[in-house]
PDB file of N, CA and C in Angstrom:
ATOM      1  N   MET A   1       1.046  -0.990   0.584  1.00  0.00           N
ATOM      2  CA  MET A   1      -0.580  -0.350  -0.022  1.00  0.00           C
ATOM      3  C   MET A   1       0.849   1.371  -0.337  1.00  0.00           C
ATOM      4  N   ARG A   2       1.985   0.620   0.579  1.00  0.00           N
ATOM      5  CA  ARG A   2       2.512   2.078   1.232  1.00  0.00           C
ATOM      6  C   ARG A   2       3.611   2.564  -0.461  1.00  0.00           C
ATOM      7  N   ASN A   3       4.527   2.337  -1.219  1.00  0.00           N
ATOM      8  CA  ASN A   3       4.881   1.437  -2.375  1.00  0.00           C
ATOM      9  C   ASN A   3       3.877   2.077  -3.418  1.00  0.00           C
ATOM     10  N   SER A   4       2.449   1.861  -3.459  1.00  0.00           N
ATOM     11  CA  SER A   4       1.757   2.144  -4.708  1.00  0.00           C
ATOM     12  C   SER A   4       1.728   3.704  -4.057  1.00  0.00           C
ATOM     13  N   ARG A   5       1.672   4.740  -3.263  1.00  0.00           N
ATOM     14  CA  ARG A   5       1.467   5.140  -2.689  1.00  0.00           C
ATOM     15  C   ARG A   5       2.548   6.161  -3.045  1.00  0.00           C
ATOM     16  N   GLU A   6       4.060   5.418  -2.195  1.00  0.00           N
ATOM     17  CA  GLU A   6       5.400   6.520  -3.080  1.00  0.00           C
ATOM     18  C   GLU A   6       5.195   7.187  -4.812  1.00  0.00           C
ATOM     19  N   ILE A   7       4.983   5.684  -5.314  1.00  0.00           N
ATOM     20  CA  ILE A   7       5.179   5.502  -6.990  1.00  0.00           C
ATOM     21  C   ILE A   7       3.904   6.767  -7.611  1.00  0.00           C
ATOM     22  N   LYS A   8       2.882   6.789  -7.460  1.00  0.00           N
ATOM     23  CA  LYS A   8       1.963   7.051  -7.870  1.00  0.00           C
ATOM     24  C   LYS A   8       2.898   8.859  -7.123  1.00  0.00           C
ATOM     25  N   LEU A   9       3.398   9.579  -6.260  1.00  0.00           N
ATOM     26  CA  LEU A   9       4.124  10.457  -6.092  1.00  0.00           C
ATOM     27  C   LEU A   9       4.957  11.325  -7.220  1.00  0.00           C
ATOM     28  N   LYS A  10       5.608   9.878  -7.357  1.00  0.00           N
ATOM     29  CA  LYS A  10       7.168   9.233  -7.903  1.00  0.00           C
ATOM     30  C   LYS A  10       6.205   9.854  -9.155  1.00  0.00           C
ATOM     31  N   LEU A  11       5.290   9.938 -10.118  1.00  0.00           N
ATOM     32  CA  LEU A  11       5.026   9.506 -10.632  1.00  0.00           C
ATOM     33  C   LEU A  11       4.453  11.101 -11.986  1.00  0.00           C
ATOM     34  N   LEU A  12       3.775  11.290 -10.191  1.00  0.00           N
ATOM     35  CA  LEU A  12       3.211  12.766 -10.288  1.00  0.00           C
ATOM     36  C   LEU A  12       4.011  13.673 -10.856  1.00  0.00           C
ATOM     37  N   SER A  13       5.674  13.795  -9.700  1.00  0.00           N
ATOM     38  CA  SER A  13       6.467  14.282  -9.433  1.00  0.00           C
ATOM     39  C   SER A  13       7.032  14.192 -11.414  1.00  0.00           C
ATOM     40  N   VAL A  14       7.156  13.596 -12.328  1.00  0.00           N
ATOM     41  CA  VAL A  14       7.716  13.288 -12.862  1.00  0.00           C
ATOM     42  C   VAL A  14       7.135  13.646 -14.142  1.00  0.00           C
ATOM     43  N   THR A  15       5.582  12.927 -14.469  1.00  0.00           N
ATOM     44  CA  THR A  15       4.935  13.576 -14.794  1.00  0.00           C
ATOM     45  C   THR A  15       5.762  15.914 -15.087  1.00  0.00           C
ATOM     46  N   ARG A  16       4.935  16.516 -13.384  1.00  0.00           N
ATOM     47  CA  ARG A  16       5.107  17.821 -13.577  1.00  0.00           C
ATOM     48  C   ARG A  16       6.295  18.406 -14.134  1.00  0.00           C
ATOM     49  N   LEU A  17       7.473  17.693 -14.079  1.00  0.00           N
ATOM     50  CA  LEU A  17       8.207  18.483 -14.499  1.00  0.00           C
ATOM     51  C   LEU A  17       8.647  17.902 -16.186  1.00  0.00           C
ATOM     52  N   GLY A  18       8.157  16.747 -16.201  1.00  0.00           N
ATOM     53  CA  GLY A  18       7.512  16.941 -18.229  1.00  0.00           C
ATOM     54  C   GLY A  18       6.759  17.866 -18.575  1.00  0.00           C
ATOM     55  N   SER A  19       6.129  18.606 -17.590  1.00  0.00           N
ATOM     56  CA  SER A  19       4.371  19.541 -18.337  1.00  0.00           C
ATOM     57  C   SER A  19       5.523  20.855 -18.807  1.00  0.00           C
ATOM     58  N   VAL A  20       6.301  20.354 -17.672  1.00  0.00           N
ATOM     59  CA  VAL A  20       6.849  21.308 -17.144  1.00  0.00           C
ATOM     60  C   VAL A  20       7.754  22.153 -18.330  1.00  0.00           C
ATOM     61  N   ALA A  21       8.292  20.605 -18.460  1.00  0.00           N
ATOM     62  CA  ALA A  21      10.109  21.404 -19.259  1.00  0.00           C
ATOM     63  C   ALA A  21       9.317  20.861 -20.916  1.00  0.00           C
ATOM     64  N   ALA A  22       7.770  20.390 -21.514  1.00  0.00           N
ATOM     65  CA  ALA A  22       7.484  20.119 -22.874  1.00  0.00           C
ATOM     66  C   ALA A  22       7.175  21.518 -22.637  1.00  0.00           C
ATOM     67  N   SER A  23       6.944  22.910 -21.772  1.00  0.00           N
ATOM     68  CA  SER A  23       5.347  24.210 -22.014  1.00  0.00           C
ATOM     69  C   SER A  23       7.169  25.119 -22.458  1.00  0.00           C
ATOM     70  N   VAL A  24       8.562  24.632 -21.968  1.00  0.00           N
ATOM     71  CA  VAL A  24       9.176  25.486 -21.647  1.00  0.00           C
ATOM     72  C   VAL A  24       9.913  24.782 -23.219  1.00  0.00           C
ATOM     73  N   LYS A  25      10.243  24.209 -23.464  1.00  0.00           N
ATOM     74  CA  LYS A  25      10.599  23.840 -24.706  1.00  0.00           C
ATOM     75  C   LYS A  25       9.415  23.759 -26.892  1.00  0.00           C
ATOM     76  N   VAL A  26       8.683  23.453 -25.917  1.00  0.00           N
ATOM     77  CA  VAL A  26       7.663  24.115 -26.591  1.00  0.00           C
ATOM     78  C   VAL A  26       8.052  25.410 -28.085  1.00  0.00           C
ATOM     79  N   PRO A  27       7.341  26.229 -26.304  1.00  0.00           N
ATOM     80  CA  PRO A  27       7.655  27.853 -27.681  1.00  0.00           C
ATOM     81  C   PRO A  27       8.859  27.587 -27.745  1.00  0.00           C
ATOM     82  N   THR A  28      10.015  26.660 -27.050  1.00  0.00           N
ATOM     83  CA  THR A  28      11.239  27.782 -27.957  1.00  0.00           C
ATOM     84  C   THR A  28      10.875  27.307 -29.212  1.00  0.00           C
ATOM     85  N   SER A  29      10.339  26.008 -29.262  1.00  0.00           N
ATOM     86  CA  SER A  29      10.161  25.520 -30.927  1.00  0.00           C
ATOM     87  C   SER A  29      10.615  26.319 -31.619  1.00  0.00           C
ATOM     88  N   GLY A  30       9.031  27.039 -31.406  1.00  0.00           N
ATOM     89  CA  GLY A  30       8.930  27.670 -32.714  1.00  0.00           C
ATOM     90  C   GLY A  30       7.944  27.991 -32.547  1.00  0.00           C
ATOM     91  N   VAL A  31       6.835  28.050 -32.166  1.00  0.00           N
ATOM     92  CA  VAL A  31       5.347  27.770 -32.063  1.00  0.00           C
ATOM     93  C   VAL A  31       4.807  28.389 -31.971  1.00  0.00           C
TER      94      VAL A  31
END
């Protein structure tokens, strides 16, 4: 149970970093 909770938090943090990187890279790409 605790493991699944930690995994969820990790996935959320990774997804957050990914979305931030994407929002920074997309406009820089020339959109």
